PDB file of all heavy atoms in Angstrom:
ATOM      1  N   LEU A   1      -1.464 -15.995   5.559  1.00  0.00           N
ATOM      2  CA  LEU A   1      -0.060 -15.615   5.400  1.00  0.00           C
ATOM      3  C   LEU A   1       0.794 -16.819   5.017  1.00  0.00           C
ATOM      4  O   LEU A   1       1.713 -16.708   4.210  1.00  0.00           O
ATOM      5  CB  LEU A   1       0.462 -14.992   6.690  1.00  0.00           C
ATOM      6  CG  LEU A   1       0.123 -13.518   6.912  1.00  0.00           C
ATOM      7  CD1 LEU A   1       0.569 -13.088   8.291  1.00  0.00           C
ATOM      8  CD2 LEU A   1       0.760 -12.644   5.846  1.00  0.00           C
ATOM      9  N   GLU A   2       0.493 -17.973   5.604  1.00  0.00           N
ATOM     10  CA  GLU A   2       1.253 -19.177   5.262  1.00  0.00           C
ATOM     11  C   GLU A   2       1.108 -19.506   3.786  1.00  0.00           C
ATOM     12  O   GLU A   2       2.069 -19.874   3.118  1.00  0.00           O
ATOM     13  CB  GLU A   2       0.786 -20.353   6.121  1.00  0.00           C
ATOM     14  CG  GLU A   2       1.290 -20.313   7.555  1.00  0.00           C
ATOM     15  CD  GLU A   2       0.774 -21.472   8.360  1.00  0.00           C
ATOM     16  OE1 GLU A   2      -0.193 -22.130   7.921  1.00  0.00           O
ATOM     17  OE2 GLU A   2       1.329 -21.718   9.440  1.00  0.00           O
ATOM     18  N   ARG A   3      -0.126 -19.393   3.286  1.00  0.00           N
ATOM     19  CA  ARG A   3      -0.332 -19.691   1.863  1.00  0.00           C
ATOM     20  C   ARG A   3       0.431 -18.706   0.990  1.00  0.00           C
ATOM     21  O   ARG A   3       0.921 -19.066  -0.087  1.00  0.00           O
ATOM     22  CB  ARG A   3      -1.829 -19.639   1.535  1.00  0.00           C
ATOM     23  CG  ARG A   3      -2.615 -20.823   2.035  1.00  0.00           C
ATOM     24  CD  ARG A   3      -3.949 -20.935   1.315  1.00  0.00           C
ATOM     25  NE  ARG A   3      -4.799 -19.779   1.572  1.00  0.00           N
ATOM     26  CZ  ARG A   3      -5.722 -19.719   2.531  1.00  0.00           C
ATOM     27  NH1 ARG A   3      -5.886 -20.766   3.333  1.00  0.00           N
ATOM     28  NH2 ARG A   3      -6.464 -18.647   2.693  1.00  0.00           N
ATOM     29  N   ALA A   4       0.526 -17.448   1.432  1.00  0.00           N
ATOM     30  CA  ALA A   4       1.206 -16.430   0.638  1.00  0.00           C
ATOM     31  C   ALA A   4       2.722 -16.519   0.767  1.00  0.00           C
ATOM     32  O   ALA A   4       3.451 -16.308  -0.206  1.00  0.00           O
ATOM     33  CB  ALA A   4       0.731 -15.037   1.046  1.00  0.00           C
ATOM     34  N   LEU A   5       3.210 -16.812   1.977  1.00  0.00           N
ATOM     35  CA  LEU A   5       4.651 -16.864   2.215  1.00  0.00           C
ATOM     36  C   LEU A   5       5.247 -18.216   1.834  1.00  0.00           C
ATOM     37  O   LEU A   5       6.395 -18.287   1.401  1.00  0.00           O
ATOM     38  CB  LEU A   5       4.949 -16.601   3.694  1.00  0.00           C
ATOM     39  CG  LEU A   5       4.862 -15.155   4.190  1.00  0.00           C
ATOM     40  CD1 LEU A   5       4.875 -15.130   5.697  1.00  0.00           C
ATOM     41  CD2 LEU A   5       6.026 -14.337   3.648  1.00  0.00           C
ATOM     42  N   LEU A   6       4.486 -19.277   2.021  1.00  0.00           N
ATOM     43  CA  LEU A   6       5.017 -20.630   1.885  1.00  0.00           C
ATOM     44  C   LEU A   6       4.193 -21.399   0.851  1.00  0.00           C
ATOM     45  O   LEU A   6       3.429 -22.306   1.175  1.00  0.00           O
ATOM     46  CB  LEU A   6       4.964 -21.343   3.246  1.00  0.00           C
ATOM     47  CG  LEU A   6       5.410 -20.504   4.457  1.00  0.00           C
ATOM     48  CD1 LEU A   6       5.237 -21.298   5.739  1.00  0.00           C
ATOM     49  CD2 LEU A   6       6.857 -20.062   4.288  1.00  0.00           C
ATOM     50  N   PRO A   7       4.337 -21.054  -0.412  1.00  0.00           N
ATOM     51  CA  PRO A   7       3.491 -21.647  -1.450  1.00  0.00           C
ATOM     52  C   PRO A   7       3.964 -23.044  -1.840  1.00  0.00           C
ATOM     53  O   PRO A   7       5.064 -23.480  -1.496  1.00  0.00           O
ATOM     54  CB  PRO A   7       3.663 -20.674  -2.612  1.00  0.00           C
ATOM     55  CG  PRO A   7       5.083 -20.218  -2.462  1.00  0.00           C
ATOM     56  CD  PRO A   7       5.304 -20.099  -0.977  1.00  0.00           C
ATOM     57  N   THR A   8       3.126 -23.714  -2.591  1.00  0.00           N
ATOM     58  CA  THR A   8       3.519 -24.979  -3.208  1.00  0.00           C
ATOM     59  C   THR A   8       4.326 -24.668  -4.471  1.00  0.00           C
ATOM     60  O   THR A   8       3.864 -23.898  -5.323  1.00  0.00           O
ATOM     61  CB  THR A   8       2.289 -25.805  -3.576  1.00  0.00           C
ATOM     62  OG1 THR A   8       1.528 -26.069  -2.399  1.00  0.00           O
ATOM     63  CG2 THR A   8       2.688 -27.115  -4.254  1.00  0.00           C
ATOM     64  N   PRO A   9       5.525 -25.211  -4.604  1.00  0.00           N
ATOM     65  CA  PRO A   9       6.319 -24.942  -5.810  1.00  0.00           C
ATOM     66  C   PRO A   9       5.555 -25.296  -7.079  1.00  0.00           C
ATOM     67  O   PRO A   9       4.888 -26.330  -7.150  1.00  0.00           O
ATOM     68  CB  PRO A   9       7.552 -25.850  -5.631  1.00  0.00           C
ATOM     69  CG  PRO A   9       7.686 -25.992  -4.145  1.00  0.00           C
ATOM     70  CD  PRO A   9       6.266 -26.034  -3.627  1.00  0.00           C
ATOM     71  N   ALA A  10       5.641 -24.412  -8.086  1.00  0.00           N
ATOM     72  CA  ALA A  10       4.935 -24.614  -9.353  1.00  0.00           C
ATOM     73  C   ALA A  10       5.922 -25.150 -10.386  1.00  0.00           C
ATOM     74  O   ALA A  10       6.387 -24.428 -11.277  1.00  0.00           O
ATOM     75  CB  ALA A  10       4.309 -23.300  -9.816  1.00  0.00           C
ATOM     76  N   VAL A  11       6.264 -26.425 -10.250  1.00  0.00           N
ATOM     77  CA  VAL A  11       7.270 -27.063 -11.113  1.00  0.00           C
ATOM     78  C   VAL A  11       6.665 -28.315 -11.735  1.00  0.00           C
ATOM     79  O   VAL A  11       6.144 -29.190 -11.029  1.00  0.00           O
ATOM     80  CB  VAL A  11       8.534 -27.428 -10.300  1.00  0.00           C
ATOM     81  CG1 VAL A  11       9.532 -28.169 -11.183  1.00  0.00           C
ATOM     82  CG2 VAL A  11       9.160 -26.174  -9.709  1.00  0.00           C
ATOM     83  N   ARG A  12       6.744 -28.404 -13.058  1.00  0.00           N
ATOM     84  CA  ARG A  12       6.196 -29.559 -13.778  1.00  0.00           C
ATOM     85  C   ARG A  12       7.235 -30.655 -13.991  1.00  0.00           C
ATOM     86  O   ARG A  12       6.877 -31.816 -14.167  1.00  0.00           O
ATOM     87  CB  ARG A  12       5.647 -29.110 -15.136  1.00  0.00           C
ATOM     88  CG  ARG A  12       4.540 -28.074 -15.062  1.00  0.00           C
ATOM     89  CD  ARG A  12       4.027 -27.726 -16.471  1.00  0.00           C
ATOM     90  NE  ARG A  12       5.109 -27.261 -17.333  1.00  0.00           N
ATOM     91  CZ  ARG A  12       5.539 -26.010 -17.388  1.00  0.00           C
ATOM     92  NH1 ARG A  12       4.977 -25.084 -16.620  1.00  0.00           N
ATOM     93  NH2 ARG A  12       6.514 -25.650 -18.210  1.00  0.00           N
ATOM     94  N   ASP A  13       8.510 -30.298 -14.024  1.00  0.00           N
ATOM     95  CA  ASP A  13       9.577 -31.257 -14.342  1.00  0.00           C
ATOM     96  C   ASP A  13       9.752 -32.239 -13.183  1.00  0.00           C
ATOM     97  O   ASP A  13      10.296 -31.899 -12.126  1.00  0.00           O
ATOM     98  CB  ASP A  13      10.881 -30.490 -14.588  1.00  0.00           C
ATOM     99  CG  ASP A  13      12.003 -31.398 -15.063  1.00  0.00           C
ATOM    100  OD1 ASP A  13      11.845 -32.632 -15.000  1.00  0.00           O
ATOM    101  OD2 ASP A  13      13.046 -30.864 -15.491  1.00  0.00           O
ATOM    102  N   GLY A  14       9.291 -33.470 -13.390  1.00  0.00           N
ATOM    103  CA  GLY A  14       9.392 -34.475 -12.335  1.00  0.00           C
ATOM    104  C   GLY A  14      10.818 -34.927 -12.060  1.00  0.00           C
ATOM    105  O   GLY A  14      11.086 -35.523 -11.011  1.00  0.00           O
ATOM    106  N   GLY A  15      11.736 -34.634 -12.958  1.00  0.00           N
ATOM    107  CA  GLY A  15      13.120 -35.019 -12.738  1.00  0.00           C
ATOM    108  C   GLY A  15      13.895 -34.057 -11.873  1.00  0.00           C
ATOM    109  O   GLY A  15      15.011 -34.368 -11.434  1.00  0.00           O
ATOM    110  N   LEU A  16      13.345 -32.878 -11.632  1.00  0.00           N
ATOM    111  CA  LEU A  16      14.023 -31.883 -10.810  1.00  0.00           C
ATOM    112  C   LEU A  16      13.615 -32.067  -9.353  1.00  0.00           C
ATOM    113  O   LEU A  16      12.427 -32.068  -9.026  1.00  0.00           O
ATOM    114  CB  LEU A  16      13.644 -30.471 -11.283  1.00  0.00           C
ATOM    115  CG  LEU A  16      14.369 -29.324 -10.594  1.00  0.00           C
ATOM    116  CD1 LEU A  16      15.837 -29.297 -11.014  1.00  0.00           C
ATOM    117  CD2 LEU A  16      13.704 -27.995 -10.907  1.00  0.00           C
ATOM    118  N   GLU A  17      14.598 -32.231  -8.505  1.00  0.00           N
ATOM    119  CA  GLU A  17      14.324 -32.357  -7.073  1.00  0.00           C
ATOM    120  C   GLU A  17      14.034 -30.964  -6.502  1.00  0.00           C
ATOM    121  O   GLU A  17      14.818 -30.029  -6.666  1.00  0.00           O
ATOM    122  CB  GLU A  17      15.533 -32.968  -6.356  1.00  0.00           C
ATOM    123  CG  GLU A  17      15.310 -33.151  -4.859  1.00  0.00           C
ATOM    124  CD  GLU A  17      16.543 -33.702  -4.157  1.00  0.00           C
ATOM    125  OE1 GLU A  17      17.650 -33.596  -4.739  1.00  0.00           O
ATOM    126  OE2 GLU A  17      16.407 -34.213  -3.040  1.00  0.00           O
ATOM    127  N   VAL A  18      12.891 -30.839  -5.828  1.00  0.00           N
ATOM    128  CA  VAL A  18      12.499 -29.570  -5.204  1.00  0.00           C
ATOM    129  C   VAL A  18      12.043 -29.864  -3.777  1.00  0.00           C
ATOM    130  O   VAL A  18      11.036 -30.542  -3.573  1.00  0.00           O
ATOM    131  CB  VAL A  18      11.374 -28.866  -5.977  1.00  0.00           C
ATOM    132  CG1 VAL A  18      11.024 -27.533  -5.303  1.00  0.00           C
ATOM    133  CG2 VAL A  18      11.758 -28.630  -7.430  1.00  0.00           C
ATOM    134  N   LEU A  19      12.802 -29.380  -2.808  1.00  0.00           N
ATOM    135  CA  LEU A  19      12.446 -29.546  -1.399  1.00  0.00           C
ATOM    136  C   LEU A  19      12.393 -28.172  -0.744  1.00  0.00           C
ATOM    137  O   LEU A  19      13.256 -27.320  -0.999  1.00  0.00           O
ATOM    138  CB  LEU A  19      13.483 -30.409  -0.666  1.00  0.00           C
ATOM    139  CG  LEU A  19      13.697 -31.832  -1.195  1.00  0.00           C
ATOM    140  CD1 LEU A  19      14.827 -32.504  -0.435  1.00  0.00           C
ATOM    141  CD2 LEU A  19      12.410 -32.642  -1.073  1.00  0.00           C
ATOM    142  N   VAL A  20      11.400 -27.942   0.087  1.00  0.00           N
ATOM    143  CA  VAL A  20      11.258 -26.658   0.766  1.00  0.00           C
ATOM    144  C   VAL A  20      11.011 -26.904   2.252  1.00  0.00           C
ATOM    145  O   VAL A  20      10.533 -27.973   2.655  1.00  0.00           O
ATOM    146  CB  VAL A  20      10.103 -25.824   0.176  1.00  0.00           C
ATOM    147  CG1 VAL A  20      10.380 -25.470  -1.272  1.00  0.00           C
ATOM    148  CG2 VAL A  20       8.776 -26.550   0.309  1.00  0.00           C
ATOM    149  N   GLY A  21      11.349 -25.902   3.058  1.00  0.00           N
ATOM    150  CA  GLY A  21      11.116 -26.017   4.495  1.00  0.00           C
ATOM    151  C   GLY A  21      11.068 -24.654   5.145  1.00  0.00           C
ATOM    152  O   GLY A  21      11.658 -23.684   4.643  1.00  0.00           O
ATOM    153  N   TYR A  22      10.368 -24.578   6.268  1.00  0.00           N
ATOM    154  CA  TYR A  22      10.236 -23.306   6.997  1.00  0.00           C
ATOM    155  C   TYR A  22      10.067 -23.609   8.481  1.00  0.00           C
ATOM    156  O   TYR A  22       9.374 -24.559   8.852  1.00  0.00           O
ATOM    157  CB  TYR A  22       9.022 -22.534   6.479  1.00  0.00           C
ATOM    158  CG  TYR A  22       8.799 -21.209   7.177  1.00  0.00           C
ATOM    159  CD1 TYR A  22       9.368 -20.040   6.686  1.00  0.00           C
ATOM    160  CD2 TYR A  22       8.030 -21.126   8.339  1.00  0.00           C
ATOM    161  CE1 TYR A  22       9.177 -18.822   7.325  1.00  0.00           C
ATOM    162  CE2 TYR A  22       7.837 -19.915   8.981  1.00  0.00           C
ATOM    163  CZ  TYR A  22       8.413 -18.774   8.476  1.00  0.00           C
ATOM    164  OH  TYR A  22       8.225 -17.576   9.122  1.00  0.00           O
ATOM    165  N   ARG A  23      10.723 -22.809   9.311  1.00  0.00           N
ATOM    166  CA  ARG A  23      10.533 -22.889  10.762  1.00  0.00           C
ATOM    167  C   ARG A  23      10.284 -21.488  11.284  1.00  0.00           C
ATOM    168  O   ARG A  23      11.087 -20.575  11.052  1.00  0.00           O
ATOM    169  CB  ARG A  23      11.764 -23.486  11.458  1.00  0.00           C
ATOM    170  CG  ARG A  23      11.997 -24.954  11.198  1.00  0.00           C
ATOM    171  CD  ARG A  23      10.920 -25.829  11.837  1.00  0.00           C
ATOM    172  NE  ARG A  23      11.223 -27.249  11.641  1.00  0.00           N
ATOM    173  CZ  ARG A  23      10.909 -27.940  10.558  1.00  0.00           C
ATOM    174  NH1 ARG A  23      10.277 -27.336   9.553  1.00  0.00           N
ATOM    175  NH2 ARG A  23      11.210 -29.212  10.445  1.00  0.00           N
ATOM    176  N   ALA A  24       9.162 -21.319  11.983  1.00  0.00           N
ATOM    177  CA  ALA A  24       8.877 -20.016  12.583  1.00  0.00           C
ATOM    178  C   ALA A  24       9.824 -19.778  13.748  1.00  0.00           C
ATOM    179  O   ALA A  24      10.401 -20.714  14.322  1.00  0.00           O
ATOM    180  CB  ALA A  24       7.425 -19.964  13.055  1.00  0.00           C
ATOM    181  N   GLY A  25      10.000 -18.506  14.107  1.00  0.00           N
ATOM    182  CA  GLY A  25      10.878 -18.150  15.215  1.00  0.00           C
ATOM    183  C   GLY A  25      10.275 -18.491  16.555  1.00  0.00           C
ATOM    184  O   GLY A  25       9.262 -19.197  16.668  1.00  0.00           O
ATOM    185  N   ARG A  26      10.868 -17.944  17.621  1.00  0.00           N
ATOM    186  CA  ARG A  26      10.548 -18.329  18.988  1.00  0.00           C
ATOM    187  C   ARG A  26       9.087 -18.098  19.338  1.00  0.00           C
ATOM    188  O   ARG A  26       8.492 -18.851  20.105  1.00  0.00           O
ATOM    189  CB  ARG A  26      11.444 -17.550  19.954  1.00  0.00           C
ATOM    190  CG  ARG A  26      11.231 -17.870  21.411  1.00  0.00           C
ATOM    191  CD  ARG A  26      12.326 -17.249  22.244  1.00  0.00           C
ATOM    192  NE  ARG A  26      13.616 -17.850  21.932  1.00  0.00           N
ATOM    193  CZ  ARG A  26      14.785 -17.300  22.261  1.00  0.00           C
ATOM    194  NH1 ARG A  26      14.811 -16.135  22.878  1.00  0.00           N
ATOM    195  NH2 ARG A  26      15.916 -17.907  21.959  1.00  0.00           N
ATOM    196  N   GLU A  27       8.469 -17.052  18.815  1.00  0.00           N
ATOM    197  CA  GLU A  27       7.088 -16.760  19.170  1.00  0.00           C
ATOM    198  C   GLU A  27       6.095 -17.651  18.424  1.00  0.00           C
ATOM    199  O   GLU A  27       4.901 -17.592  18.684  1.00  0.00           O
ATOM    200  CB  GLU A  27       6.770 -15.288  18.870  1.00  0.00           C
ATOM    201  CG  GLU A  27       7.633 -14.305  19.639  1.00  0.00           C
ATOM    202  CD  GLU A  27       7.493 -14.464  21.144  1.00  0.00           C
ATOM    203  OE1 GLU A  27       6.376 -14.757  21.596  1.00  0.00           O
ATOM    204  OE2 GLU A  27       8.500 -14.303  21.856  1.00  0.00           O
ATOM    205  N   GLY A  28       6.592 -18.471  17.484  1.00  0.00           N
ATOM    206  CA  GLY A  28       5.702 -19.361  16.758  1.00  0.00           C
ATOM    207  C   GLY A  28       4.880 -18.681  15.680  1.00  0.00           C
ATOM    208  O   GLY A  28       3.967 -19.276  15.111  1.00  0.00           O
ATOM    209  N   LEU A  29       5.175 -17.416  15.400  1.00  0.00           N
ATOM    210  CA  LEU A  29       4.438 -16.669  14.397  1.00  0.00           C
ATOM    211  C   LEU A  29       5.282 -16.477  13.148  1.00  0.00           C
ATOM    212  O   LEU A  29       6.502 -16.442  13.212  1.00  0.00           O
ATOM    213  CB  LEU A  29       4.028 -15.296  14.949  1.00  0.00           C
ATOM    214  CG  LEU A  29       3.172 -15.313  16.207  1.00  0.00           C
ATOM    215  CD1 LEU A  29       2.959 -13.900  16.704  1.00  0.00           C
ATOM    216  CD2 LEU A  29       1.833 -15.988  15.946  1.00  0.00           C
ATOM    217  N   LEU A  30       4.602 -16.355  12.026  1.00  0.00           N
ATOM    218  CA  LEU A  30       5.313 -16.149  10.783  1.00  0.00           C
ATOM    219  C   LEU A  30       6.006 -14.795  10.767  1.00  0.00           C
ATOM    220  O   LEU A  30       5.497 -13.817  11.279  1.00  0.00           O
ATOM    221  CB  LEU A  30       4.330 -16.233   9.608  1.00  0.00           C
ATOM    222  CG  LEU A  30       3.722 -17.615   9.332  1.00  0.00           C
ATOM    223  CD1 LEU A  30       2.643 -17.486   8.279  1.00  0.00           C
ATOM    224  CD2 LEU A  30       4.769 -18.594   8.889  1.00  0.00           C
ATOM    225  N   GLY A  31       7.192 -14.771  10.190  1.00  0.00           N
ATOM    226  CA  GLY A  31       7.926 -13.525  10.048  1.00  0.00           C
ATOM    227  C   GLY A  31       8.001 -13.116   8.598  1.00  0.00           C
ATOM    228  O   GLY A  31       7.127 -13.436   7.797  1.00  0.00           O
ATOM    229  N   GLY A  32       9.081 -12.424   8.247  1.00  0.00           N
ATOM    230  CA  GLY A  32       9.209 -11.899   6.899  1.00  0.00           C
ATOM    231  C   GLY A  32       9.993 -12.778   5.949  1.00  0.00           C
ATOM    232  O   GLY A  32      10.312 -12.345   4.832  1.00  0.00           O
ATOM    233  N   ASP A  33      10.350 -14.001   6.334  1.00  0.00           N
ATOM    234  CA  ASP A  33      11.051 -14.912   5.431  1.00  0.00           C
ATOM    235  C   ASP A  33      10.068 -15.514   4.430  1.00  0.00           C
ATOM    236  O   ASP A  33       8.929 -15.848   4.787  1.00  0.00           O
ATOM    237  CB  ASP A  33      11.723 -16.037   6.214  1.00  0.00           C
ATOM    238  CG  ASP A  33      12.886 -15.544   7.052  1.00  0.00           C
ATOM    239  OD1 ASP A  33      12.966 -14.324   7.292  1.00  0.00           O
ATOM    240  OD2 ASP A  33      13.708 -16.372   7.482  1.00  0.00           O
ATOM    241  N   PHE A  34      10.510 -15.678   3.177  1.00  0.00           N
ATOM    242  CA  PHE A  34       9.617 -16.229   2.168  1.00  0.00           C
ATOM    243  C   PHE A  34      10.432 -16.979   1.118  1.00  0.00           C
ATOM    244  O   PHE A  34      11.646 -16.799   1.006  1.00  0.00           O
ATOM    245  CB  PHE A  34       8.776 -15.135   1.507  1.00  0.00           C
ATOM    246  CG  PHE A  34       9.569 -14.017   0.891  1.00  0.00           C
ATOM    247  CD1 PHE A  34       9.914 -14.031  -0.459  1.00  0.00           C
ATOM    248  CD2 PHE A  34       9.971 -12.929   1.657  1.00  0.00           C
ATOM    249  CE1 PHE A  34      10.636 -12.992  -1.032  1.00  0.00           C
ATOM    250  CE2 PHE A  34      10.693 -11.881   1.085  1.00  0.00           C
ATOM    251  CZ  PHE A  34      11.028 -11.909  -0.249  1.00  0.00           C
ATOM    252  N   TYR A  35       9.741 -17.836   0.362  1.00  0.00           N
ATOM    253  CA  TYR A  35      10.400 -18.579  -0.717  1.00  0.00           C
ATOM    254  C   TYR A  35       9.379 -18.885  -1.804  1.00  0.00           C
ATOM    255  O   TYR A  35       8.165 -18.791  -1.600  1.00  0.00           O
ATOM    256  CB  TYR A  35      11.022 -19.878  -0.197  1.00  0.00           C
ATOM    257  CG  TYR A  35      10.029 -20.884   0.336  1.00  0.00           C
ATOM    258  CD1 TYR A  35       9.237 -21.656  -0.516  1.00  0.00           C
ATOM    259  CD2 TYR A  35       9.887 -21.091   1.701  1.00  0.00           C
ATOM    260  CE1 TYR A  35       8.342 -22.576  -0.040  1.00  0.00           C
ATOM    261  CE2 TYR A  35       8.991 -22.017   2.199  1.00  0.00           C
ATOM    262  CZ  TYR A  35       8.216 -22.758   1.322  1.00  0.00           C
ATOM    263  OH  TYR A  35       7.307 -23.660   1.804  1.00  0.00           O
ATOM    264  N   ASP A  36       9.896 -19.301  -2.967  1.00  0.00           N
ATOM    265  CA  ASP A  36       9.025 -19.746  -4.052  1.00  0.00           C
ATOM    266  C   ASP A  36       9.880 -20.432  -5.115  1.00  0.00           C
ATOM    267  O   ASP A  36      11.094 -20.177  -5.215  1.00  0.00           O
ATOM    268  CB  ASP A  36       8.264 -18.576  -4.675  1.00  0.00           C
ATOM    269  CG  ASP A  36       6.971 -19.013  -5.361  1.00  0.00           C
ATOM    270  OD1 ASP A  36       6.738 -20.234  -5.467  1.00  0.00           O
ATOM    271  OD2 ASP A  36       6.188 -18.135  -5.777  1.00  0.00           O
ATOM    272  N   VAL A  37       9.259 -21.306  -5.873  1.00  0.00           N
ATOM    273  CA  VAL A  37       9.912 -21.981  -6.996  1.00  0.00           C
ATOM    274  C   VAL A  37       8.889 -22.081  -8.122  1.00  0.00           C
ATOM    275  O   VAL A  37       7.783 -22.575  -7.914  1.00  0.00           O
ATOM    276  CB  VAL A  37      10.406 -23.399  -6.626  1.00  0.00           C
ATOM    277  CG1 VAL A  37      11.193 -23.996  -7.798  1.00  0.00           C
ATOM    278  CG2 VAL A  37      11.245 -23.384  -5.367  1.00  0.00           C
ATOM    279  N   VAL A  38       9.260 -21.600  -9.318  1.00  0.00           N
ATOM    280  CA  VAL A  38       8.327 -21.578 -10.454  1.00  0.00           C
ATOM    281  C   VAL A  38       9.071 -22.024 -11.710  1.00  0.00           C
ATOM    282  O   VAL A  38      10.203 -21.591 -11.962  1.00  0.00           O
ATOM    283  CB  VAL A  38       7.749 -20.169 -10.665  1.00  0.00           C
ATOM    284  CG1 VAL A  38       6.889 -20.122 -11.925  1.00  0.00           C
ATOM    285  CG2 VAL A  38       6.929 -19.733  -9.454  1.00  0.00           C
ATOM    286  N   GLU A  39       8.418 -22.868 -12.513  1.00  0.00           N
ATOM    287  CA  GLU A  39       8.952 -23.274 -13.811  1.00  0.00           C
ATOM    288  C   GLU A  39       8.225 -22.519 -14.915  1.00  0.00           C
ATOM    289  O   GLU A  39       6.986 -22.492 -14.951  1.00  0.00           O
ATOM    290  CB  GLU A  39       8.779 -24.779 -14.027  1.00  0.00           C
ATOM    291  CG  GLU A  39       9.362 -25.266 -15.354  1.00  0.00           C
ATOM    292  CD  GLU A  39       9.241 -26.774 -15.523  1.00  0.00           C
ATOM    293  OE1 GLU A  39       8.720 -27.439 -14.598  1.00  0.00           O
ATOM    294  OE2 GLU A  39       9.662 -27.278 -16.585  1.00  0.00           O
ATOM    295  N   ARG A  40       8.988 -21.904 -15.814  1.00  0.00           N
ATOM    296  CA  ARG A  40       8.409 -21.196 -16.941  1.00  0.00           C
ATOM    297  C   ARG A  40       8.083 -22.154 -18.087  1.00  0.00           C
ATOM    298  O   ARG A  40       8.522 -23.315 -18.102  1.00  0.00           O
ATOM    299  CB  ARG A  40       9.355 -20.110 -17.431  1.00  0.00           C
ATOM    300  CG  ARG A  40       9.341 -18.866 -16.543  1.00  0.00           C
ATOM    301  CD  ARG A  40      10.244 -17.781 -17.070  1.00  0.00           C
ATOM    302  NE  ARG A  40       9.874 -16.475 -16.532  1.00  0.00           N
ATOM    303  CZ  ARG A  40      10.556 -15.367 -16.715  1.00  0.00           C
ATOM    304  NH1 ARG A  40      11.668 -15.396 -17.466  1.00  0.00           N
ATOM    305  NH2 ARG A  40      10.157 -14.227 -16.206  1.00  0.00           N
TER     306      ARG A  40
END
């Protein structure tokens, strides 16, 4: 689930700053929050 919900951004442009972060809730388990960044 972590690999699916919290992927590595697929960006080739080294000049673009890309920072990502995630914190699980109180139970320490992944929830329904997700993110992604992709360069076409």
